[in-house]
Amino acid sequence: MTEGTTTKESALLEDSTFNVITQIEKKADFLYSSVEKYIRDAEKDNKPQLVKLWNTIKEDEQNHLKMLRNELIKEIKQNKFG
């Protein structure tokens, strides 16, 4: 660390990058752990509208996950990561 380096500059990740990574984890957890159970429960309870709702939410979350992943890839390519 040089004499003029601030704590912010020496941080391993910027807050905004950390936020992207955190949201990727949360969305992936929902998509790969929770939503399929919610859909199965709605099917078991014979609630087709709820199945449709969960599938719509799943699609939206998949799109959000792709957007976040693309942003992280862009930051890595711009050498803003580490």
Protein backbone atom coordinates (compact mmCIF):
# COMPACT_ATOMS: atom_id res chain seq x y z
CA MET A 1 0.00 0.00 0.00
CA THR A 2 1.39 3.40 -0.92
CA GLU A 3 1.38 6.28 1.49
CA GLY A 4 -1.56 8.02 -0.24
CA THR A 5 -3.75 4.92 -0.52
CA THR A 6 -7.05 5.20 1.32
CA THR A 7 -8.94 2.40 3.02
CA LYS A 8 -11.50 2.50 0.19
CA GLU A 9 -8.78 2.01 -2.41
CA SER A 10 -7.27 -0.91 -0.54
CA ALA A 11 -10.58 -2.77 -0.18
CA LEU A 12 -10.67 -6.07 -2.04
CA LEU A 13 -14.13 -5.35 -3.47
CA GLU A 14 -16.06 -2.18 -4.06
CA ASP A 15 -19.39 -2.07 -2.25
CA SER A 16 -21.28 -2.10 -5.54
CA THR A 17 -19.42 -5.21 -6.71
CA PHE A 18 -20.08 -6.91 -3.38
CA ASN A 19 -23.79 -6.06 -3.77
CA VAL A 20 -23.90 -7.69 -7.22
CA ILE A 21 -22.23 -10.84 -5.89
CA THR A 22 -24.58 -10.94 -2.89
CA GLN A 23 -27.65 -10.68 -5.11
CA ILE A 24 -26.33 -13.37 -7.45
CA GLU A 25 -26.07 -15.69 -4.44
CA LYS A 26 -29.58 -14.84 -3.21
CA LYS A 27 -31.22 -15.27 -6.60
CA ALA A 28 -29.35 -18.51 -7.30
CA ASP A 29 -30.38 -19.85 -3.90
CA PHE A 30 -34.03 -19.04 -4.63
CA LEU A 31 -33.87 -20.54 -8.13
CA TYR A 32 -32.01 -23.70 -7.20
CA SER A 33 -33.40 -24.35 -3.72
CA SER A 34 -36.84 -22.83 -3.22
CA VAL A 35 -38.91 -22.09 -6.28
CA GLU A 36 -39.26 -25.68 -7.51
CA LYS A 37 -40.64 -26.69 -4.11
CA TYR A 38 -43.11 -23.80 -4.24
CA ILE A 39 -44.26 -24.90 -7.70
CA ARG A 40 -44.64 -28.54 -6.59
CA ASP A 41 -46.62 -27.48 -3.50
CA ALA A 42 -48.97 -25.37 -5.63
CA GLU A 43 -49.42 -28.29 -8.04
CA LYS A 44 -50.08 -30.68 -5.15
CA ASP A 45 -52.69 -28.28 -3.74
CA ASN A 46 -54.29 -28.00 -7.20
CA LYS A 47 -53.71 -24.25 -7.54
CA PRO A 48 -52.89 -23.65 -11.21
CA GLN A 49 -52.93 -19.86 -10.83
CA LEU A 50 -50.29 -20.14 -8.11
CA VAL A 51 -48.22 -22.48 -10.29
CA LYS A 52 -48.41 -19.87 -13.03
CA LEU A 53 -47.42 -17.10 -10.61
CA TRP A 54 -44.39 -19.04 -9.33
CA ASN A 55 -43.31 -19.84 -12.88
CA THR A 56 -43.55 -16.17 -13.82
CA ILE A 57 -41.51 -15.19 -10.77
CA LYS A 58 -38.99 -17.91 -11.64
CA GLU A 59 -38.58 -16.52 -15.17
CA ASP A 60 -38.17 -12.99 -13.83
CA GLU A 61 -35.55 -14.12 -11.31
CA GLN A 62 -33.67 -16.04 -14.03
CA ASN A 63 -33.56 -12.84 -16.08
CA HIS A 64 -32.37 -10.84 -13.07
CA LEU A 65 -29.68 -13.44 -12.38
CA LYS A 66 -28.48 -13.20 -15.99
CA MET A 67 -28.36 -9.40 -15.76
CA LEU A 68 -26.32 -9.53 -12.55
CA ARG A 69 -23.99 -12.18 -13.96
CA ASN A 70 -23.39 -10.10 -17.09
CA GLU A 71 -22.60 -7.05 -14.97
CA LEU A 72 -20.10 -9.04 -12.92
CA ILE A 73 -18.47 -10.40 -16.10
CA LYS A 74 -18.21 -6.84 -17.43
CA GLU A 75 -16.48 -5.68 -14.25
CA ILE A 76 -14.06 -8.61 -14.36
CA LYS A 77 -13.18 -7.83 -17.99
CA GLN A 78 -12.57 -4.19 -17.05
CA ASN A 79 -10.14 -5.35 -14.34
CA LYS A 80 -12.30 -3.88 -11.60
CA PHE A 81 -12.27 -7.18 -9.75
CA GLY A 82 -9.33 -7.64 -7.42
